Amino acid sequence: LVRNTPTSLGVYVDPHANFVEWLGPEFYEQFKERTACLVRMYDESKIDGFNFKVNGQSTLEENIADNEGAKLAFKVSLPW
């Protein structure tokens, strides 16, 4: 595991453990757009030779973590 990420619900929990939108409306608008994009991307994924379909909504938490891990691995592979 390179990196783990808060769950989608975690972005609604403030530092005092209150369940609120504490990061501001712009953050939540972008978060919803980006997670919807990830859901669509994984919903449309196909594995050649298999009759298998990914449910992008049910795998969203793992997909967020995997994408963040891949971004971090790419960044550390760049030369200083």
N, C-alpha and C. Protein backbone atom coordinates (compact mmCIF):
# COMPACT_ATOMS: atom_id res chain seq x y z
N LEU A 1 0.85 -1.18 0.00
CA LEU A 1 0.00 0.00 0.00
C LEU A 1 0.89 1.24 0.00
N VAL A 2 0.77 2.02 -1.03
CA VAL A 2 1.55 3.25 -1.13
C VAL A 2 0.90 4.35 -0.33
N ARG A 3 -0.40 4.46 -0.46
CA ARG A 3 -1.11 5.54 0.22
C ARG A 3 -2.56 5.14 0.40
N ASN A 4 -3.14 5.57 1.49
CA ASN A 4 -4.56 5.37 1.67
C ASN A 4 -5.20 6.74 1.69
N THR A 5 -6.47 6.80 1.42
CA THR A 5 -7.15 8.07 1.32
C THR A 5 -8.41 8.03 2.19
N PRO A 6 -8.87 9.18 2.65
CA PRO A 6 -10.13 9.17 3.40
C PRO A 6 -11.26 8.69 2.50
N THR A 7 -12.25 8.09 3.09
CA THR A 7 -13.40 7.67 2.31
C THR A 7 -14.15 8.90 1.83
N SER A 8 -15.04 8.68 0.91
CA SER A 8 -15.85 9.80 0.41
C SER A 8 -16.58 10.49 1.55
N LEU A 9 -17.05 9.71 2.50
CA LEU A 9 -17.75 10.31 3.64
C LEU A 9 -16.78 11.07 4.54
N GLY A 10 -15.51 10.71 4.53
CA GLY A 10 -14.53 11.35 5.39
C GLY A 10 -14.35 12.83 5.10
N VAL A 11 -14.61 13.26 3.87
CA VAL A 11 -14.45 14.68 3.56
C VAL A 11 -15.57 15.52 4.17
N TYR A 12 -16.56 14.86 4.75
CA TYR A 12 -17.65 15.57 5.41
C TYR A 12 -17.50 15.60 6.93
N VAL A 13 -16.37 15.12 7.44
CA VAL A 13 -16.15 15.10 8.89
C VAL A 13 -15.07 16.13 9.22
N ASP A 14 -15.44 17.11 10.03
CA ASP A 14 -14.48 18.17 10.37
C ASP A 14 -13.49 17.69 11.43
N PRO A 15 -12.50 18.53 11.77
CA PRO A 15 -11.48 18.12 12.75
C PRO A 15 -12.04 17.78 14.13
N HIS A 16 -13.28 18.17 14.39
CA HIS A 16 -13.91 17.88 15.69
C HIS A 16 -14.90 16.73 15.60
N ALA A 17 -14.82 15.97 14.50
CA ALA A 17 -15.67 14.79 14.27
C ALA A 17 -17.14 15.13 14.04
N ASN A 18 -17.41 16.35 13.60
CA ASN A 18 -18.77 16.74 13.24
C ASN A 18 -18.99 16.43 11.77
N PHE A 19 -20.17 15.91 11.44
CA PHE A 19 -20.50 15.56 10.07
C PHE A 19 -21.10 16.78 9.38
N VAL A 20 -20.23 17.58 8.73
CA VAL A 20 -20.65 18.82 8.07
C VAL A 20 -19.80 19.05 6.82
N GLU A 21 -20.28 19.93 5.96
CA GLU A 21 -19.49 20.35 4.80
C GLU A 21 -18.60 21.50 5.26
N TRP A 22 -17.42 21.18 5.75
CA TRP A 22 -16.55 22.17 6.37
C TRP A 22 -15.45 22.67 5.44
N LEU A 23 -15.31 22.08 4.26
CA LEU A 23 -14.23 22.47 3.35
C LEU A 23 -14.64 23.51 2.32
N GLY A 24 -15.87 23.93 2.32
CA GLY A 24 -16.32 24.97 1.41
C GLY A 24 -17.01 24.42 0.18
N PRO A 25 -17.95 25.18 -0.38
CA PRO A 25 -18.75 24.69 -1.50
C PRO A 25 -17.94 24.36 -2.76
N GLU A 26 -16.89 25.12 -3.04
CA GLU A 26 -16.08 24.84 -4.24
C GLU A 26 -15.42 23.47 -4.15
N PHE A 27 -14.91 23.13 -2.96
CA PHE A 27 -14.29 21.82 -2.77
C PHE A 27 -15.28 20.71 -3.07
N TYR A 28 -16.48 20.80 -2.50
CA TYR A 28 -17.46 19.73 -2.66
C TYR A 28 -17.97 19.63 -4.09
N GLU A 29 -18.08 20.76 -4.77
CA GLU A 29 -18.49 20.73 -6.17
C GLU A 29 -17.44 19.98 -7.00
N GLN A 30 -16.17 20.32 -6.81
CA GLN A 30 -15.09 19.63 -7.54
C GLN A 30 -14.99 18.17 -7.13
N PHE A 31 -15.16 17.88 -5.86
CA PHE A 31 -15.08 16.51 -5.37
C PHE A 31 -16.16 15.65 -6.03
N LYS A 32 -17.38 16.17 -6.09
CA LYS A 32 -18.49 15.43 -6.71
C LYS A 32 -18.23 15.21 -8.20
N GLU A 33 -17.72 16.24 -8.90
CA GLU A 33 -17.41 16.10 -10.33
C GLU A 33 -16.33 15.06 -10.56
N ARG A 34 -15.27 15.11 -9.75
CA ARG A 34 -14.15 14.19 -9.94
C ARG A 34 -14.51 12.75 -9.58
N THR A 35 -15.29 12.58 -8.52
CA THR A 35 -15.68 11.21 -8.17
C THR A 35 -16.65 10.65 -9.20
N ALA A 36 -17.54 11.50 -9.75
CA ALA A 36 -18.44 11.04 -10.81
C ALA A 36 -17.65 10.62 -12.04
N CYS A 37 -16.58 11.34 -12.34
CA CYS A 37 -15.71 11.00 -13.47
C CYS A 37 -15.06 9.63 -13.23
N LEU A 38 -14.55 9.39 -12.03
CA LEU A 38 -13.95 8.09 -11.71
C LEU A 38 -14.97 6.97 -11.82
N VAL A 39 -16.19 7.20 -11.34
CA VAL A 39 -17.24 6.18 -11.43
C VAL A 39 -17.50 5.84 -12.89
N ARG A 40 -17.66 6.86 -13.73
CA ARG A 40 -17.89 6.62 -15.17
C ARG A 40 -16.73 5.87 -15.80
N MET A 41 -15.50 6.28 -15.48
CA MET A 41 -14.33 5.65 -16.07
C MET A 41 -14.28 4.16 -15.74
N TYR A 42 -14.52 3.82 -14.48
CA TYR A 42 -14.47 2.41 -14.08
C TYR A 42 -15.70 1.65 -14.56
N ASP A 43 -16.86 2.31 -14.63
CA ASP A 43 -18.05 1.66 -15.18
C ASP A 43 -17.83 1.24 -16.63
N GLU A 44 -17.07 2.04 -17.37
CA GLU A 44 -16.83 1.77 -18.79
C GLU A 44 -15.64 0.86 -19.03
N SER A 45 -14.94 0.45 -17.98
CA SER A 45 -13.76 -0.41 -18.13
C SER A 45 -14.17 -1.82 -18.53
N LYS A 46 -13.38 -2.40 -19.41
CA LYS A 46 -13.61 -3.77 -19.84
C LYS A 46 -12.29 -4.51 -19.80
N ILE A 47 -12.36 -5.80 -19.50
CA ILE A 47 -11.18 -6.64 -19.49
C ILE A 47 -11.30 -7.59 -20.67
N ASP A 48 -10.38 -7.49 -21.62
CA ASP A 48 -10.43 -8.33 -22.81
C ASP A 48 -10.46 -9.80 -22.45
N GLY A 49 -11.34 -10.54 -23.11
CA GLY A 49 -11.42 -11.98 -22.90
C GLY A 49 -12.30 -12.40 -21.74
N PHE A 50 -12.83 -11.45 -21.01
CA PHE A 50 -13.69 -11.78 -19.87
C PHE A 50 -15.01 -11.04 -19.99
N ASN A 51 -16.07 -11.69 -19.58
CA ASN A 51 -17.37 -11.05 -19.52
C ASN A 51 -17.54 -10.50 -18.10
N PHE A 52 -16.80 -9.45 -17.82
CA PHE A 52 -16.73 -8.90 -16.47
C PHE A 52 -16.88 -7.40 -16.54
N LYS A 53 -17.71 -6.85 -15.67
CA LYS A 53 -17.92 -5.41 -15.65
C LYS A 53 -17.66 -4.90 -14.24
N VAL A 54 -16.96 -3.80 -14.16
CA VAL A 54 -16.66 -3.17 -12.86
C VAL A 54 -17.79 -2.22 -12.51
N ASN A 55 -18.20 -2.21 -11.25
CA ASN A 55 -19.17 -1.25 -10.76
C ASN A 55 -18.39 -0.10 -10.14
N GLY A 56 -18.27 0.99 -10.87
CA GLY A 56 -17.46 2.12 -10.44
C GLY A 56 -17.91 2.75 -9.14
N GLN A 57 -19.20 2.68 -8.83
CA GLN A 57 -19.69 3.26 -7.58
C GLN A 57 -19.29 2.40 -6.39
N SER A 58 -19.42 1.08 -6.53
CA SER A 58 -19.11 0.22 -5.38
C SER A 58 -17.60 0.10 -5.15
N THR A 59 -16.79 0.41 -6.15
CA THR A 59 -15.33 0.34 -5.99
C THR A 59 -14.70 1.72 -5.84
N LEU A 60 -15.51 2.74 -5.67
CA LEU A 60 -15.03 4.13 -5.67
C LEU A 60 -13.93 4.38 -4.64
N GLU A 61 -14.11 3.92 -3.42
CA GLU A 61 -13.12 4.19 -2.37
C GLU A 61 -11.76 3.62 -2.75
N GLU A 62 -11.74 2.37 -3.23
CA GLU A 62 -10.49 1.75 -3.65
C GLU A 62 -9.91 2.45 -4.88
N ASN A 63 -10.77 2.87 -5.78
CA ASN A 63 -10.31 3.55 -6.99
C ASN A 63 -9.66 4.89 -6.66
N ILE A 64 -10.22 5.61 -5.70
CA ILE A 64 -9.61 6.87 -5.26
C ILE A 64 -8.23 6.59 -4.69
N ALA A 65 -8.14 5.61 -3.79
CA ALA A 65 -6.85 5.27 -3.17
C ALA A 65 -5.84 4.81 -4.21
N ASP A 66 -6.27 3.96 -5.15
CA ASP A 66 -5.36 3.47 -6.19
C ASP A 66 -4.84 4.61 -7.06
N ASN A 67 -5.73 5.53 -7.44
CA ASN A 67 -5.31 6.65 -8.29
C ASN A 67 -4.37 7.58 -7.55
N GLU A 68 -4.62 7.83 -6.28
CA GLU A 68 -3.72 8.68 -5.49
C GLU A 68 -2.36 8.02 -5.34
N GLY A 69 -2.36 6.71 -5.12
CA GLY A 69 -1.09 5.97 -5.01
C GLY A 69 -0.30 6.02 -6.29
N ALA A 70 -0.99 5.87 -7.43
CA ALA A 70 -0.31 5.93 -8.73
C ALA A 70 0.27 7.32 -8.97
N LYS A 71 -0.47 8.37 -8.60
CA LYS A 71 0.05 9.74 -8.77
C LYS A 71 1.29 9.96 -7.92
N LEU A 72 1.25 9.48 -6.68
CA LEU A 72 2.40 9.64 -5.79
C LEU A 72 3.61 8.87 -6.31
N ALA A 73 3.40 7.64 -6.77
CA ALA A 73 4.50 6.84 -7.31
C ALA A 73 5.12 7.53 -8.53
N PHE A 74 4.29 8.12 -9.38
CA PHE A 74 4.80 8.83 -10.56
C PHE A 74 5.63 10.04 -10.12
N LYS A 75 5.12 10.81 -9.16
CA LYS A 75 5.85 12.00 -8.71
C LYS A 75 7.22 11.66 -8.14
N VAL A 76 7.31 10.58 -7.36
CA VAL A 76 8.61 10.25 -6.77
C VAL A 76 9.56 9.63 -7.80
N SER A 77 9.04 9.22 -8.94
CA SER A 77 9.92 8.66 -9.98
C SER A 77 10.56 9.75 -10.83
N LEU A 78 10.07 10.97 -10.71
CA LEU A 78 10.62 12.07 -11.50
C LEU A 78 11.98 12.50 -10.93
N PRO A 79 12.88 12.93 -11.81
CA PRO A 79 14.18 13.39 -11.30
C PRO A 79 14.01 14.68 -10.49
N TRP A 80 14.92 14.88 -9.55
CA TRP A 80 14.86 16.08 -8.73
C TRP A 80 15.06 17.25 -9.61
